[in-house]
Amino acid sequence: MSSVPSDIPAESEGRLSAPSFSSGLTVPDFAACLQMGLEPVGLVQGYCVMKWSFYGAGSPYMRGMGAYQYNTQQGAYSESYQCPHGYVGGEHISWGQNFEQTMVEAAWTQGFTSAYSRLLEEATEAGGHGVIGLVDTVRSLTDQAVVEFHLLGTAVVVSDAPGPPDGRPWTTYLAGQRLAKLVEAGFMPVSIAASMASVQVWPYCMTEYYLRGQGGTYRWSPQYATSEIEQLSRAQMAVCRLAREHVRAQLGTDTLYGATFAASDYESSGGPVLEATLRGNRVRRFKAFDRLDPPRPTVRLT
């Protein structure tokens, strides 16, 4: 490869001789990170595809009886419902249950963690101290419980600073001004934190009646025209609580910052399945509030 011609400006010579890099940052985020002393070294990513199967009645994943029972031996939420009518007919659903699908949660965690570990491997190979502006995408590839996990971010080096003590790059969803405000407030990013919770609802008679728009076998009076579907309400509350507990277990003594929560549901052969995901930035205080220097102007009118 020929050398850089000697008749070009010094600024251009420096730009052409410098190593190239890739970045997933927007122009404002890129400028703000340079102001903080974060130099991008490369775009990094991690990928994983997971497949799992669901289970049904008689499975050892079924939980015991009791309202909002948390079985310490099995470590999972369950709640059972009993028919208030007595025997009505052969097709009458006299018993129902909400239960945490720990196998589904474990598969989701394995897929996310695998993709995350591969992103860290690429960041380490690039010499990055951390990964900023991380974006994670989790989507179903088919209707048969095949899920794709894709994580993408920009590896950066902290100017004039040694790498992480353990050699493991730190990560954050933040970039640009949001990251600058975090550092200004005295917090440093440690890692991202993410969890998923899943609760299967096996409807009993009252839930089935309400979902059909009915008031119950013997309850056709106007006073039952509006009724709360308690089994679904409690399942939704439980899945939100479980997602928070799973993330809290990852934090230790650190803090979750910039959390985002998403809930979804779908129908399975056994009934509704409620799922919730919680993501955020695990951060740690390292100094008191310290205002950053104002950014240098890059455009002058004179």
Protein backbone atom coordinates (compact mmCIF):
# COMPACT_ATOMS: atom_id res chain seq x y z
CA MET A 1 0.00 0.00 0.00
CA SER A 2 1.43 3.41 -0.95
CA SER A 3 2.18 6.00 1.72
CA VAL A 4 0.08 9.10 2.25
CA PRO A 5 1.05 11.87 -0.25
CA SER A 6 3.09 14.68 1.28
CA ASP A 7 1.10 17.50 -0.35
CA ILE A 8 -2.11 17.06 1.63
CA PRO A 9 -3.05 19.05 4.78
CA ALA A 10 -1.77 17.75 8.12
CA GLU A 11 -5.33 17.19 9.40
CA SER A 12 -6.15 14.98 6.43
CA GLU A 13 -2.87 13.10 6.78
CA GLY A 14 -3.68 12.28 10.40
CA ARG A 15 -7.19 11.14 9.49
CA LEU A 16 -6.00 8.89 6.65
CA SER A 17 -3.25 7.29 8.71
CA ALA A 18 -5.44 6.59 11.75
CA PRO A 19 -7.03 3.13 12.10
CA SER A 20 -10.66 2.82 11.06
CA PHE A 21 -13.51 1.88 13.40
CA SER A 22 -17.25 1.22 13.28
CA SER A 23 -19.96 2.61 15.52
CA GLY A 24 -23.68 2.25 16.06
CA LEU A 25 -23.99 5.68 17.71
CA THR A 26 -25.92 8.63 16.34
CA VAL A 27 -23.90 11.76 15.53
CA PRO A 28 -25.04 13.62 18.74
CA ASP A 29 -24.29 10.56 20.91
CA PHE A 30 -20.93 10.11 19.23
CA ALA A 31 -19.99 13.74 19.87
CA ALA A 32 -21.12 13.60 23.51
CA CYS A 33 -19.14 10.42 24.17
CA LEU A 34 -15.97 11.93 22.65
CA GLN A 35 -16.44 14.90 24.99
CA MET A 36 -16.46 12.47 27.95
CA GLY A 37 -13.29 10.78 26.76
CA LEU A 38 -14.93 7.65 25.32
CA GLU A 39 -13.33 6.63 22.03
CA PRO A 40 -15.25 4.09 19.87
CA VAL A 41 -13.20 1.13 18.70
CA GLY A 42 -15.80 -1.04 17.00
CA LEU A 43 -19.35 -2.25 16.57
CA VAL A 44 -19.84 -5.52 18.50
CA GLN A 45 -22.71 -7.98 18.68
CA GLY A 46 -23.88 -11.25 20.19
CA TYR A 47 -26.43 -13.72 18.85
CA CYS A 48 -28.26 -16.84 20.06
CA VAL A 49 -31.35 -18.85 19.04
CA MET A 50 -33.20 -20.92 21.63
CA LYS A 51 -35.88 -23.61 21.32
CA TRP A 52 -38.01 -24.91 24.17
CA SER A 53 -41.21 -26.88 24.65
CA PHE A 54 -44.17 -26.30 26.93
CA TYR A 55 -45.56 -28.71 29.49
CA GLY A 56 -49.05 -29.53 30.66
CA ALA A 57 -51.10 -31.25 33.32
CA GLY A 58 -49.21 -33.78 35.41
CA SER A 59 -45.84 -32.14 34.81
CA PRO A 60 -43.48 -31.83 37.80
CA TYR A 61 -43.38 -28.10 36.99
CA MET A 62 -46.91 -27.80 38.36
CA ARG A 63 -46.98 -26.12 41.77
CA GLY A 64 -48.81 -26.83 44.99
CA MET A 65 -51.97 -25.32 46.40
CA GLY A 66 -52.31 -22.03 48.24
CA ALA A 67 -52.93 -18.36 47.55
CA TYR A 68 -49.76 -16.68 46.25
CA GLN A 69 -47.74 -19.60 47.53
CA TYR A 70 -44.00 -19.25 47.09
CA ASN A 71 -42.60 -22.74 47.43
CA THR A 72 -39.08 -22.32 48.83
CA GLN A 73 -38.11 -25.85 47.84
CA GLN A 74 -39.16 -25.48 44.20
CA GLY A 75 -38.63 -21.72 44.18
CA ALA A 76 -41.63 -20.73 42.07
CA TYR A 77 -44.97 -18.95 42.36
CA SER A 78 -48.27 -20.82 42.20
CA GLU A 79 -51.88 -20.16 43.10
CA SER A 80 -54.85 -22.52 42.87
CA TYR A 81 -58.59 -21.91 42.41
CA GLN A 82 -61.49 -24.17 43.38
CA CYS A 83 -64.98 -24.21 41.87
CA PRO A 84 -67.60 -22.60 44.20
CA HIS A 85 -70.55 -24.52 42.69
CA GLY A 86 -69.91 -28.16 43.42
CA TYR A 87 -70.56 -30.77 40.72
CA VAL A 88 -72.34 -29.27 37.69
CA GLY A 89 -71.52 -31.57 34.78
CA GLY A 90 -68.87 -33.66 33.11
CA GLU A 91 -67.41 -30.68 31.21
CA HIS A 92 -67.42 -28.37 34.20
CA ILE A 93 -63.92 -27.03 35.01
CA SER A 94 -63.85 -27.38 38.77
CA TRP A 95 -60.19 -26.49 39.35
CA GLY A 96 -57.69 -24.01 37.96
CA GLN A 97 -54.22 -22.73 38.64
CA ASN A 98 -51.75 -19.93 37.95
CA PHE A 99 -48.15 -21.10 37.99
CA GLU A 100 -44.76 -19.75 37.11
CA GLN A 101 -43.15 -21.41 34.10
CA THR A 102 -39.62 -21.69 35.45
CA MET A 103 -38.46 -23.76 32.48
CA VAL A 104 -39.48 -21.00 30.03
CA GLU A 105 -37.75 -18.38 32.18
CA ALA A 106 -34.58 -20.48 32.37
CA ALA A 107 -34.53 -20.91 28.57
CA TRP A 108 -34.98 -17.15 28.04
CA THR A 109 -32.20 -16.40 30.51
CA GLN A 110 -29.87 -18.90 28.84
CA GLY A 111 -30.49 -17.41 25.38
CA PHE A 112 -30.05 -13.80 26.54
CA THR A 113 -26.94 -14.63 28.58
CA SER A 114 -25.35 -16.54 25.69
CA ALA A 115 -25.86 -13.63 23.28
CA TYR A 116 -24.59 -11.19 25.92
CA SER A 117 -21.45 -13.26 26.57
CA ARG A 118 -20.67 -13.33 22.84
CA LEU A 119 -21.02 -9.55 22.67
CA LEU A 120 -18.53 -9.24 25.55
CA GLU A 121 -16.11 -11.58 23.74
CA GLU A 122 -16.15 -9.35 20.67
CA ALA A 123 -15.70 -6.23 22.81
CA THR A 124 -12.72 -7.80 24.59
CA GLU A 125 -11.12 -8.82 21.30
CA ALA A 126 -11.54 -5.23 20.06
CA GLY A 127 -9.77 -3.94 23.17
CA GLY A 128 -12.85 -2.15 24.48
CA HIS A 129 -13.20 -1.08 28.10
CA GLY A 130 -16.98 -0.97 27.80
CA VAL A 131 -19.96 -1.19 25.45
CA ILE A 132 -22.36 1.76 25.17
CA GLY A 133 -25.64 2.35 23.34
CA LEU A 134 -26.46 -1.34 23.63
CA VAL A 135 -29.63 -2.50 21.85
CA ASP A 136 -31.11 -5.93 22.44
CA THR A 137 -33.78 -7.50 20.24
CA VAL A 138 -35.70 -10.59 21.30
CA ARG A 139 -38.20 -11.95 18.78
CA SER A 140 -39.97 -15.20 17.90
CA LEU A 141 -38.80 -16.79 14.66
CA THR A 142 -41.68 -19.30 14.46
CA ASP A 143 -44.85 -20.22 16.33
CA GLN A 144 -43.07 -23.19 17.93
CA ALA A 145 -41.21 -21.43 20.77
CA VAL A 146 -38.08 -20.60 18.75
CA VAL A 147 -36.70 -17.26 19.93
CA GLU A 148 -33.84 -15.14 18.57
CA PHE A 149 -31.65 -13.02 20.85
CA HIS A 150 -29.54 -10.30 19.21
CA LEU A 151 -27.45 -7.75 21.14
CA LEU A 152 -25.62 -4.90 19.42
CA GLY A 153 -23.50 -2.07 20.81
CA THR A 154 -20.43 0.12 20.35
CA ALA A 155 -17.24 -0.89 22.16
CA VAL A 156 -15.35 2.10 23.57
CA VAL A 157 -12.04 2.84 25.26
CA VAL A 158 -11.79 5.31 28.14
CA SER A 159 -9.05 7.78 27.20
CA ASP A 160 -5.93 7.69 29.41
CA ALA A 161 -7.42 5.06 31.70
CA PRO A 162 -6.62 1.40 32.36
CA GLY A 163 -9.08 -1.29 31.36
CA PRO A 164 -11.52 -2.98 33.75
CA PRO A 165 -9.73 -4.69 36.68
CA ASP A 166 -11.26 -8.08 35.87
CA GLY A 167 -10.82 -7.65 32.10
CA ARG A 168 -14.61 -7.85 31.59
CA PRO A 169 -16.01 -4.81 29.71
CA TRP A 170 -18.82 -2.89 31.36
CA THR A 171 -22.04 -2.42 29.41
CA THR A 172 -24.93 0.03 29.30
CA TYR A 173 -28.00 0.81 27.21
CA LEU A 174 -27.12 4.49 27.60
CA ALA A 175 -25.10 6.74 25.29
CA GLY A 176 -24.61 10.43 24.64
CA GLN A 177 -26.29 12.93 26.97
CA ARG A 178 -28.05 10.28 29.05
CA LEU A 179 -24.73 8.58 29.79
CA ALA A 180 -23.10 11.96 30.47
CA LYS A 181 -25.81 12.82 33.01
CA LEU A 182 -25.30 9.49 34.74
CA VAL A 183 -21.56 10.07 35.12
CA GLU A 184 -22.17 13.67 36.17
CA ALA A 185 -24.45 12.42 38.95
CA GLY A 186 -21.61 10.24 40.25
CA PHE A 187 -22.63 6.82 38.93
CA MET A 188 -20.69 4.48 36.68
CA PRO A 189 -22.24 1.76 34.48
CA VAL A 190 -21.54 -1.81 35.57
CA SER A 191 -23.65 -3.92 33.23
CA ILE A 192 -27.09 -4.22 31.74
CA ALA A 193 -29.69 -6.20 33.68
CA ALA A 194 -32.58 -8.06 32.04
CA SER A 195 -35.10 -10.68 33.09
CA MET A 196 -38.25 -12.39 31.89
CA ALA A 197 -41.13 -13.87 33.89
CA SER A 198 -43.81 -16.24 32.58
CA VAL A 199 -47.06 -17.35 34.23
CA GLN A 200 -49.44 -19.92 32.77
CA VAL A 201 -53.14 -19.48 33.58
CA TRP A 202 -55.30 -22.61 33.66
CA PRO A 203 -58.79 -21.11 33.97
CA TYR A 204 -61.33 -22.63 36.33
CA CYS A 205 -65.08 -22.33 35.86
CA MET A 206 -65.56 -18.69 36.93
CA THR A 207 -62.68 -17.45 34.79
CA GLU A 208 -64.03 -19.39 31.81
CA TYR A 209 -67.50 -17.93 32.31
CA TYR A 210 -66.23 -14.36 32.61
CA LEU A 211 -64.00 -14.70 29.53
CA ARG A 212 -67.09 -15.76 27.57
CA GLY A 213 -68.96 -12.68 28.80
CA GLN A 214 -71.13 -14.75 31.17
CA GLY A 215 -71.70 -14.21 34.86
CA GLY A 216 -71.53 -17.79 36.07
CA THR A 217 -73.67 -20.91 36.12
CA TYR A 218 -76.27 -19.67 38.60
CA ARG A 219 -75.56 -15.93 38.47
CA TRP A 220 -77.53 -14.25 35.74
CA SER A 221 -78.83 -11.26 37.74
CA PRO A 222 -77.78 -7.70 36.73
CA GLN A 223 -75.55 -7.34 39.80
CA TYR A 224 -73.04 -9.73 38.17
CA ALA A 225 -72.99 -7.88 34.85
CA THR A 226 -69.61 -6.34 35.80
CA SER A 227 -67.15 -8.57 37.62
CA GLU A 228 -63.38 -8.62 38.01
CA ILE A 229 -61.67 -11.67 36.51
CA GLU A 230 -59.63 -12.23 39.64
CA GLN A 231 -57.53 -15.11 38.35
CA LEU A 232 -56.16 -13.05 35.45
CA SER A 233 -55.66 -9.94 37.58
CA ARG A 234 -53.63 -11.84 40.15
CA ALA A 235 -51.62 -13.59 37.45
CA GLN A 236 -50.71 -10.23 35.90
CA MET A 237 -49.66 -8.83 39.27
CA ALA A 238 -47.59 -11.95 39.91
CA VAL A 239 -45.73 -11.88 36.59
CA CYS A 240 -44.78 -8.22 37.14
CA ARG A 241 -43.55 -8.98 40.66
CA LEU A 242 -41.53 -11.96 39.46
CA ALA A 243 -39.77 -9.90 36.75
CA ARG A 244 -38.75 -7.35 39.39
CA GLU A 245 -37.49 -10.07 41.73
CA HIS A 246 -35.40 -11.67 38.97
CA VAL A 247 -33.69 -8.35 38.16
CA ARG A 248 -33.22 -7.51 41.83
CA ALA A 249 -31.31 -10.77 42.25
CA GLN A 250 -28.79 -9.58 39.62
CA LEU A 251 -28.10 -6.19 41.21
CA GLY A 252 -26.48 -7.06 44.54
CA THR A 253 -25.85 -3.71 46.23
CA ASP A 254 -26.01 -1.75 42.96
CA THR A 255 -28.88 0.34 41.56
CA LEU A 256 -31.12 -0.13 38.51
CA TYR A 257 -31.31 2.98 36.35
CA GLY A 258 -33.39 3.71 33.23
CA ALA A 259 -35.61 0.63 33.57
CA THR A 260 -38.05 -0.35 30.82
CA PHE A 261 -40.93 -2.78 31.36
CA ALA A 262 -42.97 -4.67 28.76
CA ALA A 263 -45.87 -7.10 29.20
CA SER A 264 -47.38 -9.48 26.65
CA ASP A 265 -49.78 -12.40 26.51
CA TYR A 266 -50.82 -15.18 24.15
CA GLU A 267 -53.10 -18.21 24.12
CA SER A 268 -51.76 -21.72 24.67
CA SER A 269 -53.60 -25.04 24.71
CA GLY A 270 -53.98 -24.74 28.49
CA GLY A 271 -55.14 -21.12 28.56
CA PRO A 272 -53.62 -17.62 28.63
CA VAL A 273 -49.88 -17.19 29.18
CA LEU A 274 -48.73 -13.86 30.65
CA GLU A 275 -45.12 -12.74 30.20
CA ALA A 276 -43.16 -9.69 31.36
CA THR A 277 -39.65 -8.44 30.62
CA LEU A 278 -37.70 -5.87 32.62
CA ARG A 279 -34.48 -4.25 31.41
CA GLY A 280 -32.25 -1.57 32.84
CA ASN A 281 -28.75 -0.36 33.61
CA ARG A 282 -26.92 -1.69 36.63
CA VAL A 283 -24.98 1.29 37.99
CA ARG A 284 -22.71 1.94 40.99
CA ARG A 285 -21.88 5.20 42.74
CA PHE A 286 -18.21 6.12 42.56
CA LYS A 287 -18.19 9.82 43.45
CA ALA A 288 -20.40 12.69 44.55
CA PHE A 289 -22.18 14.87 42.02
CA ASP A 290 -19.59 16.57 39.84
CA ARG A 291 -20.65 18.73 36.91
CA LEU A 292 -18.94 17.86 33.63
CA ASP A 293 -17.15 20.49 31.58
CA PRO A 294 -19.41 22.13 28.99
CA PRO A 295 -18.93 20.80 25.46
CA ARG A 296 -16.53 22.60 23.16
CA PRO A 297 -18.21 24.40 20.23
CA THR A 298 -17.54 22.78 16.88
CA VAL A 299 -19.12 25.45 14.66
CA ARG A 300 -18.15 29.11 14.78
CA LEU A 301 -19.95 31.94 12.99
CA THR A 302 -16.95 34.30 12.97
